Protein backbone atom coordinates (compact mmCIF):
# COMPACT_ATOMS: atom_id res chain seq x y z
CA MET A 1 0.00 0.00 0.00
CA VAL A 2 2.90 2.35 0.79
CA ASN A 3 4.43 1.79 -2.67
CA ALA A 4 1.05 2.33 -4.30
CA ALA A 5 0.70 5.72 -2.64
CA LEU A 6 4.02 6.93 -4.05
CA PRO A 7 4.16 8.86 -7.33
CA LEU A 8 4.79 7.01 -10.58
CA PRO A 9 8.36 5.84 -11.20
CA GLU A 10 10.63 8.39 -12.86
CA VAL A 11 12.52 7.87 -16.09
CA PRO A 12 16.09 6.74 -15.29
CA ALA A 13 18.49 9.70 -15.49
CA HIS A 14 20.56 8.13 -18.27
CA VAL A 15 17.53 7.63 -20.56
CA ARG A 16 16.24 10.33 -22.92
CA LEU A 17 12.49 10.81 -23.09
CA ARG A 18 11.05 13.50 -25.34
CA ASP A 19 8.28 15.76 -23.99
CA GLU A 20 5.78 14.26 -26.43
CA ASP A 21 6.65 10.76 -25.10
CA ARG A 22 5.48 11.62 -21.55
CA PRO A 23 1.79 10.68 -21.93
CA PHE A 24 2.87 7.30 -23.28
CA TRP A 25 5.34 6.88 -20.39
CA VAL A 26 2.51 7.42 -17.90
CA GLY A 27 0.38 4.83 -19.67
CA VAL A 28 3.20 2.29 -19.71
CA VAL A 29 4.24 2.63 -16.07
CA ARG A 30 0.60 2.51 -14.93
CA ALA A 31 0.30 -0.93 -16.54
CA ARG A 32 2.05 -2.40 -13.50
CA ALA A 33 2.04 -1.82 -9.78
CA ARG A 34 4.90 0.43 -8.65
CA GLU A 35 6.71 -2.32 -6.76
CA GLU A 36 6.96 -4.40 -9.94
CA TRP A 37 9.28 -1.91 -11.65
CA ILE A 38 13.05 -2.31 -11.58
CA GLU A 39 15.47 0.09 -13.26
CA ALA A 40 16.19 -2.21 -16.20
CA ASP A 41 12.45 -2.44 -16.90
CA LEU A 42 12.12 1.34 -16.68
CA VAL A 43 14.67 1.66 -19.50
CA VAL A 44 12.55 -0.67 -21.65
CA ALA A 45 9.42 1.23 -20.58
CA ALA A 46 10.99 4.45 -21.89
CA GLN A 47 11.82 2.72 -25.18
CA LEU A 48 8.21 1.56 -25.40
CA ALA A 49 6.91 5.08 -24.71
CA ARG A 50 9.13 6.49 -27.47
CA CYS A 51 8.02 3.73 -29.85
CA GLN A 52 4.34 4.38 -29.14
CA ARG A 53 4.79 8.10 -29.79
CA ASP A 54 6.61 7.31 -33.04
CA ILE A 55 3.69 5.12 -34.10
CA GLU A 56 1.26 7.98 -33.46
CA ARG A 57 3.43 10.47 -35.38
CA GLU A 58 3.83 8.12 -38.36
CA GLN A 59 0.09 7.40 -38.36
CA GLU A 60 -0.69 11.13 -38.38
CA LEU A 61 1.62 11.60 -41.37
CA LEU A 62 0.15 8.59 -43.17
CA ASP A 63 -3.35 9.93 -42.56
CA SER A 64 -2.43 13.27 -44.12
CA GLU A 65 -0.44 11.79 -47.04
CA GLY A 66 -2.74 8.88 -47.83
CA SER A 67 -2.00 5.20 -48.32
CA VAL A 68 -1.20 5.60 -52.01
CA ILE A 69 1.26 8.24 -53.19
CA GLU A 70 3.01 8.99 -56.45
CA ASN A 71 6.64 7.96 -56.93
CA GLN A 72 9.21 10.08 -58.80
CA ARG A 73 7.87 8.82 -62.13
CA GLY A 74 4.31 9.75 -61.23
CA ALA A 75 3.15 6.17 -60.79
CA PRO A 76 0.92 5.34 -57.80
CA VAL A 77 2.68 3.29 -55.10
CA MET A 78 1.95 2.26 -51.54
CA ASN A 79 3.14 4.87 -49.06
CA PRO A 80 6.40 3.62 -47.46
CA ARG A 81 5.06 4.75 -44.08
CA HIS A 82 3.04 1.51 -44.03
CA ALA A 83 6.31 -0.43 -43.75
CA VAL A 84 7.59 1.94 -41.07
CA LEU A 85 4.38 1.49 -39.07
CA GLU A 86 4.63 -2.28 -39.41
CA GLN A 87 8.21 -2.25 -38.08
CA LEU A 88 7.24 0.02 -35.20
CA ALA A 89 4.24 -2.19 -34.33
CA ARG A 90 6.51 -5.27 -34.21
CA ARG A 91 8.96 -3.39 -32.00
CA GLU A 92 6.13 -2.26 -29.72
CA MET A 93 4.90 -5.83 -29.28
CA ALA A 94 8.43 -7.09 -28.57
CA LEU A 95 8.93 -4.40 -25.92
CA MET A 96 5.54 -5.17 -24.38
CA ARG A 97 6.39 -8.88 -24.24
CA SER A 98 9.71 -8.01 -22.64
CA LEU A 99 7.85 -6.06 -19.96
CA ARG A 100 5.12 -8.70 -19.72
CA ILE A 101 2.37 -6.10 -20.13
CA ALA A 102 0.88 -7.34 -23.40
CA GLY A 103 -1.85 -9.37 -21.75
CA THR A 104 0.23 -12.54 -21.72
CA ALA A 105 0.97 -14.70 -18.72
CA SER A 106 3.67 -13.29 -16.50
CA GLY A 107 5.70 -14.54 -13.60
CA GLY A 108 3.39 -15.05 -10.66
CA ASP A 109 -0.31 -15.62 -10.22
CA ARG A 110 -2.29 -13.36 -12.52
CA ARG A 111 -4.94 -12.76 -9.82
CA ASP A 112 -2.28 -11.49 -7.41
CA LEU A 113 -0.89 -9.15 -10.05
CA ASP A 114 -4.37 -7.87 -10.87
CA LYS A 115 -5.09 -7.23 -7.18
CA GLY A 116 -1.81 -5.35 -6.80
CA ARG A 117 -2.51 -3.24 -9.86
CA LYS A 118 -6.04 -2.47 -8.66
CA LEU A 119 -4.62 -1.40 -5.30
CA GLN A 120 -2.10 0.78 -7.14
CA ARG A 121 -4.88 2.57 -9.05
CA GLN A 122 -6.91 3.09 -5.88
CA ALA A 123 -3.91 4.54 -4.04
CA GLU A 124 -3.13 6.87 -6.96
CA ALA A 125 -6.73 8.09 -6.95
CA ALA A 126 -6.56 8.70 -3.18
CA ARG A 127 -3.25 10.56 -3.56
CA GLU A 128 -4.72 12.76 -6.31
CA ALA A 129 -7.82 13.46 -4.20
CA LEU A 130 -5.61 14.51 -1.29
CA SER A 131 -3.62 16.79 -3.59
CA ASP A 132 -6.84 18.37 -4.82
CA ASP A 133 -8.02 18.87 -1.22
CA GLU A 134 -4.73 20.54 -0.31
CA LEU A 135 -5.08 22.88 -3.26
CA LEU A 136 -8.62 23.77 -2.25
CA ALA A 137 -7.52 24.44 1.35
CA SER A 138 -4.82 26.88 0.19
């Protein structure tokens, strides 16, 4: 319960995370209870957050460019961003498997992990409510 009440884990100091990666970082680290994270996993979590942001950026570009573009000769071809997105999606799944957050079986009883993660979310909600109360009291 004490770990669950603590803020989310921070990105390791030696790992670069872009500002636009932060929302993805929060989503990744919330996929586990705080006590499940070790520094090596946090490095992979940062890689996953960067990968997920890259997927979103490439998808935005693909949406604006379209799936079929013209090559230098003017012939219609499939947009190469499809291949980039496919590579990024494979990388994302590999990173998620590495972190055991892709919905697959992980070390330990799944029910215990789910209980710990539920407790984590409840403690975070309580911490946020206390922060809001402190702001209102000021």
